[in-house]
C-alpha cells in the first residue's frame, strides 16, 4: 500500500500534466499551427481543382476555425450555465 506522500506525489504529477495539456489546448501556438496547416492544405486542394486565387480563398476555412475557437469559450460558459454547472 503506497504511503500518503507517494499518493500525493502521483496526484501532483497528474495535475501538472493535466494543466500542461489544458495550456496546450488553449495556446495560440496550437491555434496558429492548425491555421497554418489548414491554409496550406486548402491552397493545395484549390490549386488541384484549378481554382483561381486559391491563396485568397484558402483564408475562408482558416477564418472559420479562428472564429470558432474565439467563440467556443463563451458558448461553453453558456452551456454550463444552462446545465446548472456554474452560477450566472
PDB file of N, CA and C in Angstrom:
ATOM      1  N   UNK A   1       0.848  -1.182   0.000  1.00  0.00           N
ATOM      2  CA  UNK A   1       0.000   0.000   0.000  1.00  0.00           C
ATOM      3  C   UNK A   1       0.892   1.243   0.000  1.00  0.00           C
ATOM      4  N   UNK A   2       0.711   2.126  -0.999  1.00  0.00           N
ATOM      5  CA  UNK A   2       1.539   3.330  -1.049  1.00  0.00           C
ATOM      6  C   UNK A   2       1.208   4.270   0.117  1.00  0.00           C
ATOM      7  N   UNK A   3       2.218   5.006   0.499  1.00  0.00           N
ATOM      8  CA  UNK A   3       2.019   5.961   1.586  1.00  0.00           C
ATOM      9  C   UNK A   3       1.239   7.163   1.079  1.00  0.00           C
ATOM     10  N   UNK A   4       0.779   7.962   2.012  1.00  0.00           N
ATOM     11  CA  UNK A   4       0.039   9.173   1.649  1.00  0.00           C
ATOM     12  C   UNK A   4       0.917  10.103   0.834  1.00  0.00           C
ATOM     13  N   UNK A   5       2.204  10.203   1.201  1.00  0.00           N
ATOM     14  CA  UNK A   5       3.117  11.068   0.464  1.00  0.00           C
ATOM     15  C   UNK A   5       3.289  10.596  -0.980  1.00  0.00           C
ATOM     16  N   UNK A   6       3.383   9.287  -1.181  1.00  0.00           N
ATOM     17  CA  UNK A   6       3.521   8.743  -2.532  1.00  0.00           C
ATOM     18  C   UNK A   6       2.252   8.994  -3.347  1.00  0.00           C
ATOM     19  N   UNK A   7       1.114   8.803  -2.728  1.00  0.00           N
ATOM     20  CA  UNK A   7      -0.159   9.040  -3.410  1.00  0.00           C
ATOM     21  C   UNK A   7      -0.306  10.516  -3.775  1.00  0.00           C
ATOM     22  N   UNK A   8       0.103  11.393  -2.864  1.00  0.00           N
ATOM     23  CA  UNK A   8       0.039  12.823  -3.110  1.00  0.00           C
ATOM     24  C   UNK A   8       0.977  13.217  -4.252  1.00  0.00           C
ATOM     25  N   UNK A   9       2.155  12.635  -4.293  1.00  0.00           N
ATOM     26  CA  UNK A   9       3.111  12.926  -5.366  1.00  0.00           C
ATOM     27  C   UNK A   9       2.538  12.512  -6.719  1.00  0.00           C
ATOM     28  N   UNK A  10       1.871  11.364  -6.774  1.00  0.00           N
ATOM     29  CA  UNK A  10       1.257  10.894  -8.022  1.00  0.00           C
ATOM     30  C   UNK A  10       0.158  11.867  -8.462  1.00  0.00           C
ATOM     31  N   UNK A  11      -0.649  12.320  -7.506  1.00  0.00           N
ATOM     32  CA  UNK A  11      -1.727  13.260  -7.826  1.00  0.00           C
ATOM     33  C   UNK A  11      -1.156  14.584  -8.325  1.00  0.00           C
ATOM     34  N   UNK A  12      -0.099  15.071  -7.688  1.00  0.00           N
ATOM     35  CA  UNK A  12       0.524  16.328  -8.113  1.00  0.00           C
ATOM     36  C   UNK A  12       1.125  16.204  -9.512  1.00  0.00           C
ATOM     37  N   UNK A  13       1.719  15.059  -9.827  1.00  0.00           N
ATOM     38  CA  UNK A  13       2.266  14.838 -11.167  1.00  0.00           C
ATOM     39  C   UNK A  13       1.142  14.839 -12.202  1.00  0.00           C
ATOM     40  N   UNK A  14       0.040  14.170 -11.868  1.00  0.00           N
ATOM     41  CA  UNK A  14      -1.103  14.129 -12.772  1.00  0.00           C
ATOM     42  C   UNK A  14      -1.667  15.537 -12.983  1.00  0.00           C
ATOM     43  N   UNK A  15      -1.801  16.297 -11.915  1.00  0.00           N
ATOM     44  CA  UNK A  15      -2.319  17.664 -12.040  1.00  0.00           C
ATOM     45  C   UNK A  15      -1.422  18.527 -12.918  1.00  0.00           C
ATOM     46  N   UNK A  16      -0.110  18.388 -12.776  1.00  0.00           N
ATOM     47  CA  UNK A  16       0.822  19.149 -13.602  1.00  0.00           C
ATOM     48  C   UNK A  16       0.666  18.766 -15.070  1.00  0.00           C
ATOM     49  N   UNK A  17       0.492  17.475 -15.334  1.00  0.00           N
ATOM     50  CA  UNK A  17       0.309  17.009 -16.712  1.00  0.00           C
ATOM     51  C   UNK A  17      -1.002  17.548 -17.297  1.00  0.00           C
ATOM     52  N   UNK A  18      -2.077  17.506 -16.501  1.00  0.00           N
ATOM     53  CA  UNK A  18      -3.373  18.000 -16.966  1.00  0.00           C
ATOM     54  C   UNK A  18      -3.317  19.505 -17.233  1.00  0.00           C
ATOM     55  N   UNK A  19      -2.652  20.263 -16.365  1.00  0.00           N
ATOM     56  CA  UNK A  19      -2.505  21.702 -16.567  1.00  0.00           C
ATOM     57  C   UNK A  19      -1.715  21.998 -17.845  1.00  0.00           C
ATOM     58  N   UNK A  20      -0.674  21.215 -18.092  1.00  0.00           N
ATOM     59  CA  UNK A  20       0.096  21.381 -19.323  1.00  0.00           C
ATOM     60  C   UNK A  20      -0.735  21.085 -20.550  1.00  0.00           C
ATOM     61  N   UNK A  21      -1.529  20.014 -20.493  1.00  0.00           N
ATOM     62  CA  UNK A  21      -2.403  19.664 -21.616  1.00  0.00           C
ATOM     63  C   UNK A  21      -3.424  20.765 -21.878  1.00  0.00           C
ATOM     64  N   UNK A  22      -4.010  21.298 -20.810  1.00  0.00           N
ATOM     65  CA  UNK A  22      -5.001  22.358 -20.969  1.00  0.00           C
ATOM     66  C   UNK A  22      -4.336  23.614 -21.537  1.00  0.00           C
ATOM     67  N   UNK A  23      -3.147  23.925 -21.067  1.00  0.00           N
ATOM     68  CA  UNK A  23      -2.420  25.072 -21.599  1.00  0.00           C
ATOM     69  C   UNK A  23      -2.169  24.933 -23.085  1.00  0.00           C
ATOM     70  N   UNK A  24      -1.789  23.736 -23.517  1.00  0.00           N
ATOM     71  CA  UNK A  24      -1.545  23.479 -24.937  1.00  0.00           C
ATOM     72  C   UNK A  24      -2.836  23.621 -25.731  1.00  0.00           C
ATOM     73  N   UNK A  25      -3.934  23.068 -25.219  1.00  0.00           N
ATOM     74  CA  UNK A  25      -5.215  23.109 -25.928  1.00  0.00           C
ATOM     75  C   UNK A  25      -5.697  24.533 -26.175  1.00  0.00           C
ATOM     76  N   UNK A  26      -5.365  25.458 -25.285  1.00  0.00           N
ATOM     77  CA  UNK A  26      -5.845  26.832 -25.424  1.00  0.00           C
ATOM     78  C   UNK A  26      -4.768  27.783 -25.939  1.00  0.00           C
ATOM     79  N   UNK A  27      -3.605  27.265 -26.285  1.00  0.00           N
ATOM     80  CA  UNK A  27      -2.495  28.139 -26.676  1.00  0.00           C
ATOM     81  C   UNK A  27      -2.643  28.661 -28.103  1.00  0.00           C
ATOM     82  N   UNK A  28      -2.093  29.856 -28.313  1.00  0.00           N
ATOM     83  CA  UNK A  28      -2.085  30.444 -29.650  1.00  0.00           C
ATOM     84  C   UNK A  28      -1.094  29.735 -30.559  1.00  0.00           C
ATOM     85  N   UNK A  29      -0.095  29.081 -29.999  1.00  0.00           N
ATOM     86  CA  UNK A  29       0.849  28.301 -30.814  1.00  0.00           C
ATOM     87  C   UNK A  29       0.096  27.167 -31.503  1.00  0.00           C
ATOM     88  N   UNK A  30      -0.725  26.451 -30.739  1.00  0.00           N
ATOM     89  CA  UNK A  30      -1.509  25.343 -31.294  1.00  0.00           C
ATOM     90  C   UNK A  30      -2.485  25.863 -32.342  1.00  0.00           C
ATOM     91  N   UNK A  31      -3.190  26.943 -32.017  1.00  0.00           N
ATOM     92  CA  UNK A  31      -4.139  27.524 -32.967  1.00  0.00           C
ATOM     93  C   UNK A  31      -3.423  27.947 -34.249  1.00  0.00           C
ATOM     94  N   UNK A  32      -2.265  28.580 -34.099  1.00  0.00           N
ATOM     95  CA  UNK A  32      -1.502  29.024 -35.264  1.00  0.00           C
ATOM     96  C   UNK A  32      -1.056  27.867 -36.141  1.00  0.00           C
ATOM     97  N   UNK A  33      -0.609  26.782 -35.504  1.00  0.00           N
ATOM     98  CA  UNK A  33      -0.206  25.592 -36.277  1.00  0.00           C
ATOM     99  C   UNK A  33      -1.382  25.012 -37.051  1.00  0.00           C
ATOM    100  N   UNK A  34      -2.525  24.905 -36.386  1.00  0.00           N
ATOM    101  CA  UNK A  34      -3.711  24.355 -37.057  1.00  0.00           C
ATOM    102  C   UNK A  34      -4.131  25.269 -38.197  1.00  0.00           C
ATOM    103  N   UNK A  35      -4.098  26.577 -37.959  1.00  0.00           N
ATOM    104  CA  UNK A  35      -4.471  27.516 -39.019  1.00  0.00           C
ATOM    105  C   UNK A  35      -3.497  27.429 -40.192  1.00  0.00           C
ATOM    106  N   UNK A  36      -2.204  27.319 -39.905  1.00  0.00           N
ATOM    107  CA  UNK A  36      -1.209  27.215 -40.964  1.00  0.00           C
ATOM    108  C   UNK A  36      -1.370  25.955 -41.783  1.00  0.00           C
ATOM    109  N   UNK A  37      -1.554  24.836 -41.108  1.00  0.00           N
ATOM    110  CA  UNK A  37      -1.743  23.556 -41.812  1.00  0.00           C
ATOM    111  C   UNK A  37      -3.019  23.587 -42.638  1.00  0.00           C
ATOM    112  N   UNK A  38      -4.089  24.139 -42.071  1.00  0.00           N
ATOM    113  CA  UNK A  38      -5.358  24.246 -42.801  1.00  0.00           C
ATOM    114  C   UNK A  38      -5.198  25.108 -44.044  1.00  0.00           C
ATOM    115  N   UNK A  39      -4.487  26.216 -43.904  1.00  0.00           N
ATOM    116  CA  UNK A  39      -4.280  27.134 -45.033  1.00  0.00           C
ATOM    117  C   UNK A  39      -3.511  26.452 -46.163  1.00  0.00           C
ATOM    118  N   UNK A  40      -2.429  25.785 -45.802  1.00  0.00           N
ATOM    119  CA  UNK A  40      -1.614  25.109 -46.818  1.00  0.00           C
ATOM    120  C   UNK A  40      -2.424  24.009 -47.503  1.00  0.00           C
ATOM    121  N   UNK A  41      -3.157  23.221 -46.741  1.00  0.00           N
ATOM    122  CA  UNK A  41      -3.970  22.147 -47.336  1.00  0.00           C
ATOM    123  C   UNK A  41      -5.047  22.711 -48.250  1.00  0.00           C
ATOM    124  N   UNK A  42      -5.680  23.822 -47.829  1.00  0.00           N
ATOM    125  CA  UNK A  42      -6.724  24.434 -48.657  1.00  0.00           C
ATOM    126  C   UNK A  42      -6.134  24.973 -49.957  1.00  0.00           C
ATOM    127  N   UNK A  43      -4.956  25.591 -49.892  1.00  0.00           N
ATOM    128  CA  UNK A  43      -4.310  26.089 -51.112  1.00  0.00           C
ATOM    129  C   UNK A  43      -4.004  24.937 -52.064  1.00  0.00           C
ATOM    130  N   UNK A  44      -3.463  23.856 -51.524  1.00  0.00           N
ATOM    131  CA  UNK A  44      -3.126  22.697 -52.366  1.00  0.00           C
ATOM    132  C   UNK A  44      -4.384  22.147 -53.028  1.00  0.00           C
ATOM    133  N   UNK A  45      -5.445  21.971 -52.253  1.00  0.00           N
ATOM    134  CA  UNK A  45      -6.682  21.427 -52.804  1.00  0.00           C
ATOM    135  C   UNK A  45      -7.271  22.361 -53.863  1.00  0.00           C
ATOM    136  N   UNK A  46      -7.322  23.650 -53.563  1.00  0.00           N
ATOM    137  CA  UNK A  46      -7.885  24.596 -54.530  1.00  0.00           C
ATOM    138  C   UNK A  46      -7.045  24.668 -55.807  1.00  0.00           C
ATOM    139  N   UNK A  47      -5.733  24.551 -55.672  1.00  0.00           N
ATOM    140  CA  UNK A  47      -4.883  24.523 -56.863  1.00  0.00           C
ATOM    141  C   UNK A  47      -5.118  23.263 -57.681  1.00  0.00           C
ATOM    142  N   UNK A  48      -5.261  22.131 -57.012  1.00  0.00           N
ATOM    143  CA  UNK A  48      -5.546  20.874 -57.717  1.00  0.00           C
ATOM    144  C   UNK A  48      -6.857  20.985 -58.486  1.00  0.00           C
ATOM    145  N   UNK A  49      -7.832  21.658 -57.868  1.00  0.00           N
ATOM    146  CA  UNK A  49      -9.139  21.827 -58.510  1.00  0.00           C
ATOM    147  C   UNK A  49      -9.129  22.923 -59.572  1.00  0.00           C
ATOM    148  N   UNK A  50      -7.989  23.619 -59.709  1.00  0.00           N
ATOM    149  CA  UNK A  50      -7.857  24.639 -60.741  1.00  0.00           C
ATOM    150  C   UNK A  50      -8.543  25.950 -60.397  1.00  0.00           C
ATOM    151  N   UNK A  51      -8.675  26.242 -59.146  1.00  0.00           N
ATOM    152  CA  UNK A  51      -9.349  27.458 -58.693  1.00  0.00           C
ATOM    153  C   UNK A  51      -8.408  28.659 -58.771  1.00  0.00           C
ATOM    154  N   UNK A  52      -8.853  29.719 -59.436  1.00  0.00           N
ATOM    155  CA  UNK A  52      -8.046  30.941 -59.500  1.00  0.00           C
ATOM    156  C   UNK A  52      -8.089  31.655 -58.152  1.00  0.00           C
ATOM    157  N   UNK A  53      -6.972  32.210 -57.732  1.00  0.00           N
ATOM    158  CA  UNK A  53      -6.905  32.936 -56.462  1.00  0.00           C
ATOM    159  C   UNK A  53      -7.003  32.030 -55.247  1.00  0.00           C
ATOM    160  N   UNK A  54      -6.411  30.854 -55.365  1.00  0.00           N
ATOM    161  CA  UNK A  54      -6.503  29.871 -54.274  1.00  0.00           C
ATOM    162  C   UNK A  54      -5.964  30.427 -52.971  1.00  0.00           C
ATOM    163  N   UNK A  55      -4.885  31.194 -53.040  1.00  0.00           N
ATOM    164  CA  UNK A  55      -4.280  31.731 -51.817  1.00  0.00           C
ATOM    165  C   UNK A  55      -5.257  32.624 -51.060  1.00  0.00           C
ATOM    166  N   UNK A  56      -6.109  33.337 -51.804  1.00  0.00           N
ATOM    167  CA  UNK A  56      -7.077  34.240 -51.184  1.00  0.00           C
ATOM    168  C   UNK A  56      -8.266  33.457 -50.619  1.00  0.00           C
ATOM    169  N   UNK A  57      -8.754  32.505 -51.364  1.00  0.00           N
ATOM    170  CA  UNK A  57      -9.932  31.743 -50.948  1.00  0.00           C
ATOM    171  C   UNK A  57      -9.610  30.729 -49.846  1.00  0.00           C
ATOM    172  N   UNK A  58      -8.351  30.388 -49.702  1.00  0.00           N
ATOM    173  CA  UNK A  58      -7.948  29.449 -48.654  1.00  0.00           C
ATOM    174  C   UNK A  58      -8.068  30.070 -47.264  1.00  0.00           C
ATOM    175  N   UNK A  59      -8.240  31.374 -47.200  1.00  0.00           N
ATOM    176  CA  UNK A  59      -8.400  32.018 -45.890  1.00  0.00           C
ATOM    177  C   UNK A  59      -9.770  31.736 -45.275  1.00  0.00           C
ATOM    178  N   UNK A  60     -10.749  31.336 -46.084  1.00  0.00           N
ATOM    179  CA  UNK A  60     -12.104  31.115 -45.574  1.00  0.00           C
ATOM    180  C   UNK A  60     -12.133  30.038 -44.482  1.00  0.00           C
ATOM    181  N   UNK A  61     -11.604  28.836 -44.704  1.00  0.00           N
ATOM    182  CA  UNK A  61     -11.644  27.844 -43.628  1.00  0.00           C
ATOM    183  C   UNK A  61     -10.783  28.247 -42.426  1.00  0.00           C
ATOM    184  N   UNK A  62      -9.702  28.960 -42.696  1.00  0.00           N
ATOM    185  CA  UNK A  62      -8.828  29.401 -41.607  1.00  0.00           C
ATOM    186  C   UNK A  62      -9.568  30.393 -40.715  1.00  0.00           C
ATOM    187  N   UNK A  63     -10.259  31.339 -41.324  1.00  0.00           N
ATOM    188  CA  UNK A  63     -11.008  32.314 -40.542  1.00  0.00           C
ATOM    189  C   UNK A  63     -12.176  31.648 -39.818  1.00  0.00           C
ATOM    190  N   UNK A  64     -12.790  30.663 -40.433  1.00  0.00           N
ATOM    191  CA  UNK A  64     -13.859  29.916 -39.763  1.00  0.00           C
ATOM    192  C   UNK A  64     -13.344  29.215 -38.519  1.00  0.00           C
ATOM    193  N   UNK A  65     -12.172  28.613 -38.640  1.00  0.00           N
ATOM    194  CA  UNK A  65     -11.572  27.949 -37.476  1.00  0.00           C
ATOM    195  C   UNK A  65     -11.255  28.968 -36.385  1.00  0.00           C
ATOM    196  N   UNK A  66     -10.650  30.082 -36.766  1.00  0.00           N
ATOM    197  CA  UNK A  66     -10.291  31.103 -35.786  1.00  0.00           C
ATOM    198  C   UNK A  66     -11.526  31.631 -35.064  1.00  0.00           C
ATOM    199  N   UNK A  67     -12.562  31.950 -35.808  1.00  0.00           N
ATOM    200  CA  UNK A  67     -13.781  32.460 -35.185  1.00  0.00           C
ATOM    201  C   UNK A  67     -14.418  31.423 -34.262  1.00  0.00           C
ATOM    202  N   UNK A  68     -14.355  30.160 -34.654  1.00  0.00           N
ATOM    203  CA  UNK A  68     -14.936  29.123 -33.791  1.00  0.00           C
ATOM    204  C   UNK A  68     -14.153  28.989 -32.489  1.00  0.00           C
ATOM    205  N   UNK A  69     -12.822  29.108 -32.548  1.00  0.00           N
ATOM    206  CA  UNK A  69     -12.039  28.983 -31.313  1.00  0.00           C
ATOM    207  C   UNK A  69     -12.223  30.194 -30.417  1.00  0.00           C
ATOM    208  N   UNK A  70     -12.493  31.349 -31.006  1.00  0.00           N
ATOM    209  CA  UNK A  70     -12.716  32.543 -30.201  1.00  0.00           C
ATOM    210  C   UNK A  70     -14.094  32.544 -29.551  1.00  0.00           C
ATOM    211  N   UNK A  71     -15.065  31.912 -30.191  1.00  0.00           N
ATOM    212  CA  UNK A  71     -16.427  31.911 -29.652  1.00  0.00           C
ATOM    213  C   UNK A  71     -16.706  30.734 -28.727  1.00  0.00           C
ATOM    214  N   UNK A  72     -15.935  29.661 -28.837  1.00  0.00           N
ATOM    215  CA  UNK A  72     -16.229  28.470 -28.040  1.00  0.00           C
ATOM    216  C   UNK A  72     -16.189  28.682 -26.530  1.00  0.00           C
ATOM    217  N   UNK A  73     -15.260  29.462 -25.968  1.00  0.00           N
ATOM    218  CA  UNK A  73     -15.294  29.657 -24.516  1.00  0.00           C
ATOM    219  C   UNK A  73     -16.610  30.272 -24.030  1.00  0.00           C
ATOM    220  N   UNK A  74     -17.146  31.212 -24.783  1.00  0.00           N
ATOM    221  CA  UNK A  74     -18.422  31.826 -24.404  1.00  0.00           C
ATOM    222  C   UNK A  74     -19.562  30.824 -24.549  1.00  0.00           C
ATOM    223  N   UNK A  75     -19.553  30.038 -25.620  1.00  0.00           N
ATOM    224  CA  UNK A  75     -20.581  29.010 -25.814  1.00  0.00           C
ATOM    225  C   UNK A  75     -20.507  27.985 -24.685  1.00  0.00           C
ATOM    226  N   UNK A  76     -19.294  27.594 -24.301  1.00  0.00           N
ATOM    227  CA  UNK A  76     -19.116  26.641 -23.204  1.00  0.00           C
ATOM    228  C   UNK A  76     -19.674  27.206 -21.905  1.00  0.00           C
ATOM    229  N   UNK A  77     -19.384  28.483 -21.632  1.00  0.00           N
ATOM    230  CA  UNK A  77     -19.879  29.106 -20.406  1.00  0.00           C
ATOM    231  C   UNK A  77     -21.402  29.104 -20.389  1.00  0.00           C
ATOM    232  N   UNK A  78     -22.024  29.457 -21.504  1.00  0.00           N
ATOM    233  CA  UNK A  78     -23.481  29.460 -21.581  1.00  0.00           C
ATOM    234  C   UNK A  78     -24.050  28.054 -21.408  1.00  0.00           C
ATOM    235  N   UNK A  79     -23.412  27.080 -22.001  1.00  0.00           N
ATOM    236  CA  UNK A  79     -23.869  25.698 -21.882  1.00  0.00           C
ATOM    237  C   UNK A  79     -23.787  25.225 -20.432  1.00  0.00           C
ATOM    238  N   UNK A  80     -22.670  25.538 -19.775  1.00  0.00           N
ATOM    239  CA  UNK A  80     -22.519  25.153 -18.376  1.00  0.00           C
ATOM    240  C   UNK A  80     -23.556  25.829 -17.501  1.00  0.00           C
ATOM    241  N   UNK A  81     -23.860  27.085 -17.783  1.00  0.00           N
ATOM    242  CA  UNK A  81     -24.916  27.775 -17.036  1.00  0.00           C
ATOM    243  C   UNK A  81     -26.251  27.070 -17.233  1.00  0.00           C
ATOM    244  N   UNK A  82     -26.550  26.704 -18.452  1.00  0.00           N
ATOM    245  CA  UNK A  82     -27.810  26.036 -18.782  1.00  0.00           C
ATOM    246  C   UNK A  82     -27.901  24.673 -18.110  1.00  0.00           C
ATOM    247  N   UNK A  83     -26.763  24.009 -17.941  1.00  0.00           N
ATOM    248  CA  UNK A  83     -26.744  22.699 -17.307  1.00  0.00           C
ATOM    249  C   UNK A  83     -26.731  22.785 -15.785  1.00  0.00           C
ATOM    250  N   UNK A  84     -26.618  24.012 -15.260  1.00  0.00           N
ATOM    251  CA  UNK A  84     -26.580  24.206 -13.824  1.00  0.00           C
ATOM    252  C   UNK A  84     -25.231  23.893 -13.212  1.00  0.00           C
ATOM    253  N   UNK A  85     -24.199  23.843 -14.035  1.00  0.00           N
ATOM    254  CA  UNK A  85     -22.844  23.504 -13.545  1.00  0.00           C
ATOM    255  C   UNK A  85     -22.145  24.686 -12.910  1.00  0.00           C
ATOM    256  N   UNK A  86     -22.484  25.906 -13.372  1.00  0.00           N
ATOM    257  CA  UNK A  86     -21.897  27.103 -12.783  1.00  0.00           C
ATOM    258  C   UNK A  86     -23.023  28.135 -12.587  1.00  0.00           C
ATOM    259  N   UNK A  87     -22.755  29.063 -11.720  1.00  0.00           N
ATOM    260  CA  UNK A  87     -23.730  30.109 -11.476  1.00  0.00           C
ATOM    261  C   UNK A  87     -23.575  31.213 -12.505  1.00  0.00           C
ATOM    262  N   UNK A  88     -24.656  31.947 -12.720  1.00  0.00           N
ATOM    263  CA  UNK A  88     -24.651  33.050 -13.693  1.00  0.00           C
ATOM    264  C   UNK A  88     -23.869  34.224 -13.199  1.00  0.00           C
TER     265      UNK A  88
END
